[in-house]
Amino acid sequence: MSYFTWKETGLTSDCTSLEAMASRFEESAKLMRRMSKEGFKLQKESQKQLITHPNPAIFESWGFINEEPPYRQLTLIPTKNSNV
């Protein structure tokens, strides 16, 4: 299953007002709700929060980078028949 680790260390660190902080939280909430509707899930593993999706194509279409170990990411790529 495709996943990336959620590490929030500064969502509002660059905000200069409470209004700016509120806007940032609202934008983030909208994004999380959209992700949830698209099938993304939150999975806790070893005190980490992983954002997962069972469909690698949808995961990739959002521009996320899959953090699965390389041996889990491998897919067979069909090759054309050659005279080799």
C-alpha atoms as a PDB file:
ATOM      1  CA  MET A   1       0.000   0.000   0.000  1.00  0.00           C
ATOM      2  CA  SER A   2       1.380   3.398  -0.948  1.00  0.00           C
ATOM      3  CA  TYR A   3       2.059   5.737   1.957  1.00  0.00           C
ATOM      4  CA  PHE A   4       3.925   8.788   3.198  1.00  0.00           C
ATOM      5  CA  THR A   5       4.692   9.852   6.763  1.00  0.00           C
ATOM      6  CA  TRP A   6       2.758  12.797   8.177  1.00  0.00           C
ATOM      7  CA  LYS A   7       5.081  15.102  10.134  1.00  0.00           C
ATOM      8  CA  GLU A   8       3.565  18.450  11.051  1.00  0.00           C
ATOM      9  CA  THR A   9       6.221  20.664  12.544  1.00  0.00           C
ATOM     10  CA  GLY A  10       5.265  24.124  11.427  1.00  0.00           C
ATOM     11  CA  LEU A  11       1.889  24.459   9.773  1.00  0.00           C
ATOM     12  CA  THR A  12       1.467  27.953  11.167  1.00  0.00           C
ATOM     13  CA  SER A  13       5.066  28.907  11.957  1.00  0.00           C
ATOM     14  CA  ASP A  14       5.131  31.550   9.201  1.00  0.00           C
ATOM     15  CA  CYS A  15       1.758  33.120  10.100  1.00  0.00           C
ATOM     16  CA  THR A  16       1.780  36.667  11.472  1.00  0.00           C
ATOM     17  CA  SER A  17      -1.763  36.853  12.886  1.00  0.00           C
ATOM     18  CA  LEU A  18      -4.448  34.689  14.444  1.00  0.00           C
ATOM     19  CA  GLU A  19      -6.544  35.223  11.309  1.00  0.00           C
ATOM     20  CA  ALA A  20      -3.720  33.876   9.156  1.00  0.00           C
ATOM     21  CA  MET A  21      -3.406  30.856  11.471  1.00  0.00           C
ATOM     22  CA  ALA A  22      -7.158  30.194  11.260  1.00  0.00           C
ATOM     23  CA  SER A  23      -7.049  30.387   7.458  1.00  0.00           C
ATOM     24  CA  ARG A  24      -4.163  27.927   7.333  1.00  0.00           C
ATOM     25  CA  PHE A  25      -6.034  25.446   9.530  1.00  0.00           C
ATOM     26  CA  GLU A  26      -9.180  25.815   7.392  1.00  0.00           C
ATOM     27  CA  GLU A  27      -7.215  25.198   4.175  1.00  0.00           C
ATOM     28  CA  SER A  28      -5.603  22.137   5.714  1.00  0.00           C
ATOM     29  CA  ALA A  29      -8.957  20.797   6.917  1.00  0.00           C
ATOM     30  CA  LYS A  30     -10.417  21.155   3.397  1.00  0.00           C
ATOM     31  CA  LEU A  31      -7.477  19.244   1.937  1.00  0.00           C
ATOM     32  CA  MET A  32      -7.753  16.451   4.530  1.00  0.00           C
ATOM     33  CA  ARG A  33     -11.491  16.117   3.858  1.00  0.00           C
ATOM     34  CA  ARG A  34     -10.867  15.900   0.082  1.00  0.00           C
ATOM     35  CA  MET A  35      -8.202  13.266   0.657  1.00  0.00           C
ATOM     36  CA  SER A  36     -10.575  11.276   2.863  1.00  0.00           C
ATOM     37  CA  LYS A  37     -13.280  11.361   0.173  1.00  0.00           C
ATOM     38  CA  GLU A  38     -10.717  10.095  -2.370  1.00  0.00           C
ATOM     39  CA  GLY A  39      -9.962   7.055  -0.187  1.00  0.00           C
ATOM     40  CA  PHE A  40      -6.864   8.163   1.729  1.00  0.00           C
ATOM     41  CA  LYS A  41      -6.610   6.817   5.290  1.00  0.00           C
ATOM     42  CA  LEU A  42      -4.571   7.613   8.387  1.00  0.00           C
ATOM     43  CA  GLN A  43      -2.627   4.662   9.752  1.00  0.00           C
ATOM     44  CA  LYS A  44      -0.576   4.771  12.958  1.00  0.00           C
ATOM     45  CA  GLU A  45       2.554   2.649  12.966  1.00  0.00           C
ATOM     46  CA  SER A  46       5.377   2.797  15.516  1.00  0.00           C
ATOM     47  CA  GLN A  47       4.237   6.195  16.817  1.00  0.00           C
ATOM     48  CA  LYS A  48       4.179   7.590  13.274  1.00  0.00           C
ATOM     49  CA  GLN A  49       1.178   8.798  11.311  1.00  0.00           C
ATOM     50  CA  LEU A  50       1.127   7.439   7.769  1.00  0.00           C
ATOM     51  CA  ILE A  51      -1.201   8.721   5.063  1.00  0.00           C
ATOM     52  CA  THR A  52      -2.093   5.677   2.950  1.00  0.00           C
ATOM     53  CA  HIS A  53      -4.030   4.815  -0.178  1.00  0.00           C
ATOM     54  CA  PRO A  54      -4.615   1.304  -1.547  1.00  0.00           C
ATOM     55  CA  ASN A  55      -4.478   2.464  -5.184  1.00  0.00           C
ATOM     56  CA  PRO A  56      -0.944   3.521  -6.244  1.00  0.00           C
ATOM     57  CA  ALA A  57      -2.269   5.367  -9.320  1.00  0.00           C
ATOM     58  CA  ILE A  58      -4.511   7.644  -7.228  1.00  0.00           C
ATOM     59  CA  PHE A  59      -1.709   8.137  -4.685  1.00  0.00           C
ATOM     60  CA  GLU A  60       0.676   9.186  -7.459  1.00  0.00           C
ATOM     61  CA  SER A  61      -1.920  11.405  -9.167  1.00  0.00           C
ATOM     62  CA  TRP A  62      -1.919  13.624  -6.066  1.00  0.00           C
ATOM     63  CA  GLY A  63       1.848  14.092  -6.467  1.00  0.00           C
ATOM     64  CA  PHE A  64       2.817  12.199  -3.317  1.00  0.00           C
ATOM     65  CA  ILE A  65       6.073  10.271  -3.076  1.00  0.00           C
ATOM     66  CA  ASN A  66       5.653   6.667  -1.978  1.00  0.00           C
ATOM     67  CA  GLU A  67       7.809   5.831   1.044  1.00  0.00           C
ATOM     68  CA  GLU A  68       7.368   2.064   0.772  1.00  0.00           C
ATOM     69  CA  PRO A  69      10.647   0.134   0.657  1.00  0.00           C
ATOM     70  CA  PRO A  70      11.892  -0.183  -2.949  1.00  0.00           C
ATOM     71  CA  TYR A  71      11.274  -3.933  -3.093  1.00  0.00           C
ATOM     72  CA  ARG A  72       7.579  -3.219  -2.347  1.00  0.00           C
ATOM     73  CA  GLN A  73       7.348  -0.604  -5.110  1.00  0.00           C
ATOM     74  CA  LEU A  74       8.646  -2.772  -7.948  1.00  0.00           C
ATOM     75  CA  THR A  75       6.240  -3.551 -10.761  1.00  0.00           C
ATOM     76  CA  LEU A  76       6.748  -5.687 -13.801  1.00  0.00           C
ATOM     77  CA  ILE A  77       7.082  -3.652 -16.961  1.00  0.00           C
ATOM     78  CA  PRO A  78       6.036  -5.534 -20.064  1.00  0.00           C
ATOM     79  CA  THR A  79       8.678  -5.506 -22.786  1.00  0.00           C
ATOM     80  CA  LYS A  80       8.204  -5.902 -26.500  1.00  0.00           C
ATOM     81  CA  ASN A  81       9.297  -9.202 -27.959  1.00  0.00           C
ATOM     82  CA  SER A  82      12.766  -8.901 -29.354  1.00  0.00           C
ATOM     83  CA  ASN A  83      15.121 -11.279 -31.087  1.00  0.00           C
ATOM     84  CA  VAL A  84      17.553 -11.227 -28.202  1.00  0.00           C
END
